[in-house]
Amino acid sequence: MEPEVIRDKDSMRKWSRAMRSQGKTIGLVPTMGYLHEGHLSLVRQSLTLTDVTVVSIYVNPGQFSPTEDLSTYPSDFSGDLTKLAALSGGKVVVFNPKNLYDYGGETKKINDGGGGGGRVVSCVEEGGLGHETWIRVERLEKGLCGKSRPVFFRGVATIVTKLFNIVEPDVAVFGKKDYQQWRIIQRMVRDLDFGIEIVGSDIARERDGLAMSSRNVRLSDEERQRALSISRSLAMAKASVAEGKTSSAELKEMIIQQVVGSAGRVDYVEIVDQETLEGVEEIKSGVVICVAAWFGTVRLIDNIEIDVSL
């Protein structure tokens, strides 16, 4: 059977409180839909940690700037429900609100949340729906993806806060592919005293090593093959560290050469501390190598953790 779908905030909150009154623990997996095996692995992990799991499917306009075309984000809501129905191991419900930035006033601009039908726009556009309150994790959001997408993480932190307040989960599971996002949510939960355990799940990859992403569907066959340079260069960098090479500058240059040599356009290659996300010149402790690059019109991100003690 397909999972139950809850569309409005009050109903979602009532459902969660009813579960809690029965002594059940609640997991949350926030998504923007167009689910792939990576998303499903997060749901499976949540089901092992809690009694029931809520999968939110909502294309969040708050993390897109006016210059980013939110309407091109892929959507297959019926397919998402079919994939979730095939999971075993616990109860899953779907939270698919229409517009979490609509507070009952005039709604000239509508976000359908991935369910189909409405025109999806950015709520940061002038004359939007009147949302004024934003959550910012000021230092962690500045580097990496924050450099080229300056409103992205305030939108992520804000929508996740809204989902936490609506769903009231005990555990929330995030994929480590969006490494900076995972660390930002961890810090936000700590700083704002949310009583929620944040779990980071390892990157799910295709058989050839490409990090799973809903955006992969927009790659041509040739672009997809070229995009493998990201994961391959990250693996090469990790192997180089194991051989004793610890210069961040040399490792970054190697990755850049591999990606550019495959016709990719590099947004950034950074080697940062796993906790602080601050750049390091020499690898002496645990770091994560983060890459963002364009292949055609598709921006892909990937990373690899390196745990060393020198």
Protein backbone atom coordinates (compact mmCIF):
# COMPACT_ATOMS: atom_id res chain seq x y z
CA MET A 1 0.00 0.00 0.00
CA GLU A 2 1.13 3.54 -0.71
CA PRO A 3 2.03 5.58 2.36
CA GLU A 4 -0.44 7.98 3.88
CA VAL A 5 -0.04 11.51 2.50
CA ILE A 6 -0.54 14.49 4.82
CA ARG A 7 -0.95 17.86 3.12
CA ASP A 8 -1.34 20.52 5.80
CA LYS A 9 0.66 21.62 8.81
CA ASP A 10 -2.01 21.15 11.46
CA SER A 11 -2.79 17.61 10.36
CA MET A 12 0.90 16.72 10.33
CA ARG A 13 1.41 18.06 13.83
CA LYS A 14 -1.67 16.21 15.12
CA TRP A 15 -0.44 12.97 13.55
CA SER A 16 2.97 13.30 15.17
CA ARG A 17 1.50 14.06 18.57
CA ALA A 18 -0.84 11.09 18.27
CA MET A 19 2.14 8.83 17.55
CA ARG A 20 4.02 10.22 20.50
CA SER A 21 1.01 9.70 22.78
CA GLN A 22 1.26 6.02 21.83
CA GLY A 23 4.89 5.97 22.92
CA LYS A 24 6.28 5.86 19.39
CA THR A 25 9.46 7.61 18.27
CA ILE A 26 9.41 9.64 15.06
CA GLY A 27 12.03 9.99 12.35
CA LEU A 28 12.15 12.66 9.66
CA VAL A 29 13.81 12.50 6.24
CA PRO A 30 13.51 15.88 4.50
CA THR A 31 13.55 15.69 0.68
CA MET A 32 12.53 17.72 -2.33
CA GLY A 33 11.13 14.66 -4.06
CA TYR A 34 12.17 12.81 -7.22
CA LEU A 35 13.41 10.10 -4.91
CA HIS A 36 16.33 7.87 -5.81
CA GLU A 37 18.13 5.08 -3.99
CA GLY A 38 20.10 7.59 -1.96
CA HIS A 39 16.90 9.03 -0.49
CA LEU A 40 15.51 5.55 0.12
CA SER A 41 18.66 4.58 2.01
CA LEU A 42 18.03 7.51 4.36
CA VAL A 43 14.47 6.32 4.92
CA ARG A 44 15.68 2.79 5.65
CA GLN A 45 18.17 4.14 8.17
CA SER A 46 15.48 6.21 9.85
CA LEU A 47 13.24 3.14 10.10
CA THR A 48 16.00 1.30 11.98
CA LEU A 49 16.27 4.16 14.47
CA THR A 50 12.61 5.05 15.09
CA ASP A 51 9.16 3.50 15.16
CA VAL A 52 7.67 5.63 12.39
CA THR A 53 9.24 7.85 9.73
CA VAL A 54 7.97 10.97 8.01
CA VAL A 55 9.33 11.69 4.55
CA SER A 56 8.76 15.31 3.62
CA ILE A 57 8.46 16.03 -0.10
CA TYR A 58 8.62 19.76 -0.62
CA VAL A 59 10.48 21.82 -3.20
CA ASN A 60 11.61 24.67 -1.00
CA PRO A 61 11.53 28.07 -2.74
CA GLY A 62 13.42 29.67 0.12
CA GLN A 63 16.74 28.12 -0.91
CA PHE A 64 16.60 29.33 -4.51
CA SER A 65 17.59 32.83 -5.53
CA PRO A 66 15.55 34.75 -8.13
CA THR A 67 18.18 33.87 -10.77
CA GLU A 68 17.81 30.12 -10.20
CA ASP A 69 15.00 28.39 -12.07
CA LEU A 70 13.26 26.44 -9.36
CA SER A 71 10.58 25.28 -11.82
CA THR A 72 13.09 22.98 -13.58
CA TYR A 73 13.62 20.84 -10.48
CA PRO A 74 12.47 17.30 -11.46
CA SER A 75 9.27 15.91 -9.94
CA ASP A 76 7.54 12.52 -9.93
CA PHE A 77 5.26 12.45 -6.92
CA SER A 78 3.36 9.27 -7.89
CA GLY A 79 6.67 7.55 -8.55
CA ASP A 80 7.94 8.67 -5.16
CA LEU A 81 4.93 7.10 -3.45
CA THR A 82 5.46 3.85 -5.33
CA LYS A 83 9.10 3.68 -4.25
CA LEU A 84 8.23 4.36 -0.63
CA ALA A 85 5.46 1.75 -0.72
CA ALA A 86 8.05 -0.88 -1.66
CA LEU A 87 10.04 -0.29 1.53
CA SER A 88 9.68 -2.66 4.46
CA GLY A 89 10.65 -2.46 8.08
CA GLY A 90 8.29 0.13 9.49
CA LYS A 91 5.60 2.72 8.92
CA VAL A 92 6.25 5.62 6.53
CA VAL A 93 4.04 8.65 5.98
CA VAL A 94 4.59 11.48 3.50
CA PHE A 95 4.29 15.15 4.37
CA ASN A 96 3.63 17.05 1.12
CA PRO A 97 2.48 20.58 1.92
CA LYS A 98 1.50 23.00 -0.83
CA ASN A 99 3.20 26.11 0.46
CA LEU A 100 4.97 26.48 3.79
CA TYR A 101 5.41 30.22 3.21
CA ASP A 102 1.68 30.95 2.86
CA TYR A 103 0.21 32.31 6.06
CA GLY A 104 -3.34 32.84 4.89
CA GLY A 105 -2.95 36.16 3.07
CA GLU A 106 -3.06 36.91 -0.60
CA THR A 107 -1.25 34.14 -2.49
CA LYS A 108 -0.27 35.42 -5.91
CA LYS A 109 2.64 33.01 -6.12
CA ILE A 110 2.20 29.35 -5.42
CA ASN A 111 4.66 26.56 -4.70
CA ASP A 112 3.05 23.16 -5.17
CA GLY A 113 5.72 21.41 -3.07
CA GLY A 114 6.40 18.83 -5.75
CA GLY A 115 2.86 17.50 -5.90
CA GLY A 116 2.13 19.01 -9.29
CA GLY A 117 -0.07 21.77 -10.62
CA GLY A 118 1.24 25.08 -9.28
CA ARG A 119 3.94 27.40 -10.54
CA VAL A 120 7.00 27.16 -8.34
CA VAL A 121 8.70 30.47 -7.58
CA SER A 122 11.25 31.83 -5.16
CA CYS A 123 9.85 33.43 -2.02
CA VAL A 124 12.88 35.71 -1.91
CA GLU A 125 11.56 37.58 -4.94
CA GLU A 126 10.35 41.09 -4.31
CA GLY A 127 6.63 41.05 -3.68
CA GLY A 128 6.64 37.47 -2.46
CA LEU A 129 4.41 35.99 0.23
CA GLY A 130 5.60 38.11 3.11
CA HIS A 131 7.93 35.66 4.84
CA GLU A 132 10.50 37.69 6.79
CA THR A 133 12.11 35.38 9.35
CA TRP A 134 15.25 33.46 8.42
CA ILE A 135 17.62 31.15 10.27
CA ARG A 136 21.33 31.64 9.59
CA VAL A 137 24.28 29.62 10.82
CA GLU A 138 26.56 32.49 10.10
CA ARG A 139 30.06 31.06 9.96
CA LEU A 140 29.46 27.58 8.60
CA GLU A 141 27.32 28.88 5.73
CA LYS A 142 29.94 31.24 4.31
CA GLY A 143 32.31 28.92 2.47
CA LEU A 144 31.95 26.09 -0.04
CA CYS A 145 28.46 26.26 -1.62
CA GLY A 146 27.68 29.43 0.32
CA LYS A 147 30.11 31.43 -1.82
CA SER A 148 28.22 30.96 -5.08
CA ARG A 149 24.75 30.44 -3.56
CA PRO A 150 24.48 33.18 -0.91
CA VAL A 151 20.81 32.61 0.06
CA PHE A 152 20.90 28.82 -0.14
CA PHE A 153 21.74 27.89 3.44
CA ARG A 154 19.48 30.44 5.09
CA GLY A 155 16.69 28.83 3.07
CA VAL A 156 17.76 25.33 4.07
CA ALA A 157 18.11 26.18 7.76
CA THR A 158 14.76 27.97 7.78
CA ILE A 159 12.77 25.23 6.05
CA VAL A 160 14.36 22.53 8.20
CA THR A 161 13.44 24.54 11.30
CA LYS A 162 9.86 24.81 10.04
CA LEU A 163 9.76 21.06 9.37
CA PHE A 164 11.15 20.34 12.85
CA ASN A 165 8.45 22.54 14.40
CA ILE A 166 5.68 20.89 12.36
CA VAL A 167 6.75 17.23 12.44
CA GLU A 168 8.38 17.31 15.90
CA PRO A 169 10.72 14.38 15.20
CA ASP A 170 13.05 12.59 17.58
CA VAL A 171 15.59 11.84 14.84
CA ALA A 172 16.30 13.46 11.46
CA VAL A 173 18.48 11.80 8.82
CA PHE A 174 20.50 13.76 6.26
CA GLY A 175 22.81 12.55 3.52
CA LYS A 176 26.48 13.45 3.72
CA LYS A 177 26.62 14.26 0.02
CA ASP A 178 25.39 17.68 1.11
CA TYR A 179 28.16 17.77 3.69
CA GLN A 180 27.98 21.46 4.49
CA GLN A 181 24.21 21.24 4.88
CA TRP A 182 24.56 18.33 7.32
CA ARG A 183 27.08 20.21 9.45
CA ILE A 184 24.97 23.38 9.38
CA ILE A 185 21.89 21.51 10.58
CA GLN A 186 23.93 19.85 13.32
CA ARG A 187 25.18 23.23 14.52
CA MET A 188 21.74 24.82 14.30
CA VAL A 189 20.21 22.04 16.41
CA ARG A 190 22.95 22.44 19.00
CA ASP A 191 22.76 26.23 19.12
CA LEU A 192 18.96 26.44 19.26
CA ASP A 193 18.51 23.52 21.69
CA PHE A 194 16.34 21.34 19.49
CA GLY A 195 15.83 17.99 21.17
CA ILE A 196 16.49 16.14 17.93
CA GLU A 197 19.25 13.70 17.04
CA ILE A 198 20.81 14.55 13.66
CA VAL A 199 22.16 11.53 11.80
CA GLY A 200 24.52 11.82 8.83
CA SER A 201 24.28 8.99 6.30
CA ASP A 202 27.12 8.03 3.96
CA ILE A 203 26.91 9.03 0.30
CA ALA A 204 24.95 6.63 -1.90
CA ARG A 205 26.64 6.06 -5.25
CA GLU A 206 25.81 4.55 -8.60
CA ARG A 207 27.75 1.41 -9.53
CA ASP A 208 30.26 3.50 -11.45
CA GLY A 209 30.87 5.79 -8.48
CA LEU A 210 28.76 8.82 -9.42
CA ALA A 211 27.12 10.30 -6.33
CA MET A 212 23.37 9.82 -6.53
CA SER A 213 21.45 13.05 -7.13
CA SER A 214 18.05 13.99 -8.46
CA ARG A 215 19.88 16.29 -10.87
CA ASN A 216 21.71 13.40 -12.56
CA VAL A 217 18.69 12.82 -14.78
CA ARG A 218 19.46 16.13 -16.52
CA LEU A 219 22.92 14.97 -17.62
CA SER A 220 23.38 13.76 -21.18
CA ASP A 221 25.10 10.38 -21.60
CA GLU A 222 28.36 12.11 -22.47
CA GLU A 223 28.11 14.57 -19.59
CA ARG A 224 27.40 11.74 -17.19
CA GLN A 225 30.55 9.91 -18.24
CA ARG A 226 32.59 13.09 -17.90
CA ALA A 227 31.09 13.74 -14.46
CA LEU A 228 32.71 10.54 -13.18
CA SER A 229 35.91 12.59 -13.03
CA ILE A 230 34.65 14.04 -9.74
CA SER A 231 34.38 10.80 -7.77
CA ARG A 232 37.46 9.34 -9.43
CA SER A 233 39.60 12.36 -8.61
CA LEU A 234 38.37 12.30 -5.01
CA ALA A 235 39.36 8.64 -4.73
CA MET A 236 42.77 9.49 -6.20
CA ALA A 237 43.22 12.26 -3.65
CA LYS A 238 42.37 9.94 -0.76
CA ALA A 239 44.85 7.37 -2.07
CA SER A 240 47.51 10.08 -2.33
CA VAL A 241 46.96 11.06 1.31
CA ALA A 242 47.35 7.41 2.30
CA GLU A 243 50.71 7.48 0.49
CA GLY A 244 51.82 10.45 2.58
CA LYS A 245 50.92 13.44 0.41
CA THR A 246 49.39 16.07 2.69
CA SER A 247 49.65 19.36 0.77
CA SER A 248 46.14 20.68 0.20
CA ALA A 249 47.28 22.87 -2.69
CA GLU A 250 48.74 19.90 -4.58
CA LEU A 251 45.73 17.70 -3.95
CA LYS A 252 43.29 20.41 -5.02
CA GLU A 253 45.24 21.07 -8.21
CA MET A 254 45.16 17.38 -9.07
CA ILE A 255 41.37 17.29 -8.69
CA ILE A 256 40.91 20.49 -10.71
CA GLN A 257 43.01 19.10 -13.54
CA GLN A 258 40.96 15.89 -13.64
CA VAL A 259 37.62 17.72 -13.69
CA VAL A 260 38.64 20.41 -16.17
CA GLY A 261 40.29 17.75 -18.33
CA SER A 262 36.87 16.09 -18.54
CA ALA A 263 35.23 19.33 -19.73
CA GLY A 264 33.85 20.20 -16.31
CA ARG A 265 33.66 23.77 -15.02
CA VAL A 266 34.87 23.91 -11.42
CA ASP A 267 32.90 25.95 -8.91
CA TYR A 268 35.22 25.02 -6.05
CA VAL A 269 37.56 22.38 -4.71
CA GLU A 270 38.24 22.78 -1.00
CA ILE A 271 39.87 20.72 1.73
CA VAL A 272 38.39 21.64 5.09
CA ASP A 273 38.21 20.48 8.67
CA GLN A 274 35.30 18.08 9.15
CA GLU A 275 33.82 19.99 12.08
CA THR A 276 34.60 23.66 11.45
CA LEU A 277 34.64 23.54 7.62
CA GLU A 278 37.67 25.82 7.73
CA GLY A 279 40.30 25.33 5.05
CA VAL A 280 43.55 23.57 5.88
CA GLU A 281 46.92 23.90 4.16
CA GLU A 282 48.29 20.56 5.38
CA ILE A 283 46.26 17.47 6.20
CA LYS A 284 47.10 16.58 9.79
CA SER A 285 43.71 15.46 11.12
CA GLY A 286 40.26 14.59 9.86
CA VAL A 287 39.29 16.56 6.75
CA VAL A 288 36.71 16.42 3.99
CA ILE A 289 37.52 17.21 0.37
CA CYS A 290 34.53 18.96 -1.20
CA VAL A 291 33.96 19.52 -4.92
CA ALA A 292 31.31 21.40 -6.86
CA ALA A 293 31.46 21.45 -10.66
CA TRP A 294 29.25 22.05 -13.67
CA PHE A 295 28.80 19.59 -16.49
CA GLY A 296 26.65 21.22 -19.12
CA THR A 297 23.87 22.99 -17.26
CA VAL A 298 23.99 20.68 -14.23
CA ARG A 299 25.85 21.58 -11.04
CA LEU A 300 27.04 18.52 -9.12
CA ILE A 301 28.57 18.24 -5.67
CA ASP A 302 30.52 15.43 -4.07
CA ASN A 303 32.97 14.89 -1.23
CA ILE A 304 35.12 12.37 0.53
CA GLU A 305 36.04 12.20 4.21
CA ILE A 306 39.64 11.46 5.14
CA ASP A 307 40.34 10.45 8.71
CA VAL A 308 44.02 10.67 9.57
CA SER A 309 46.12 11.27 12.67
CA LEU A 310 49.61 12.44 11.81
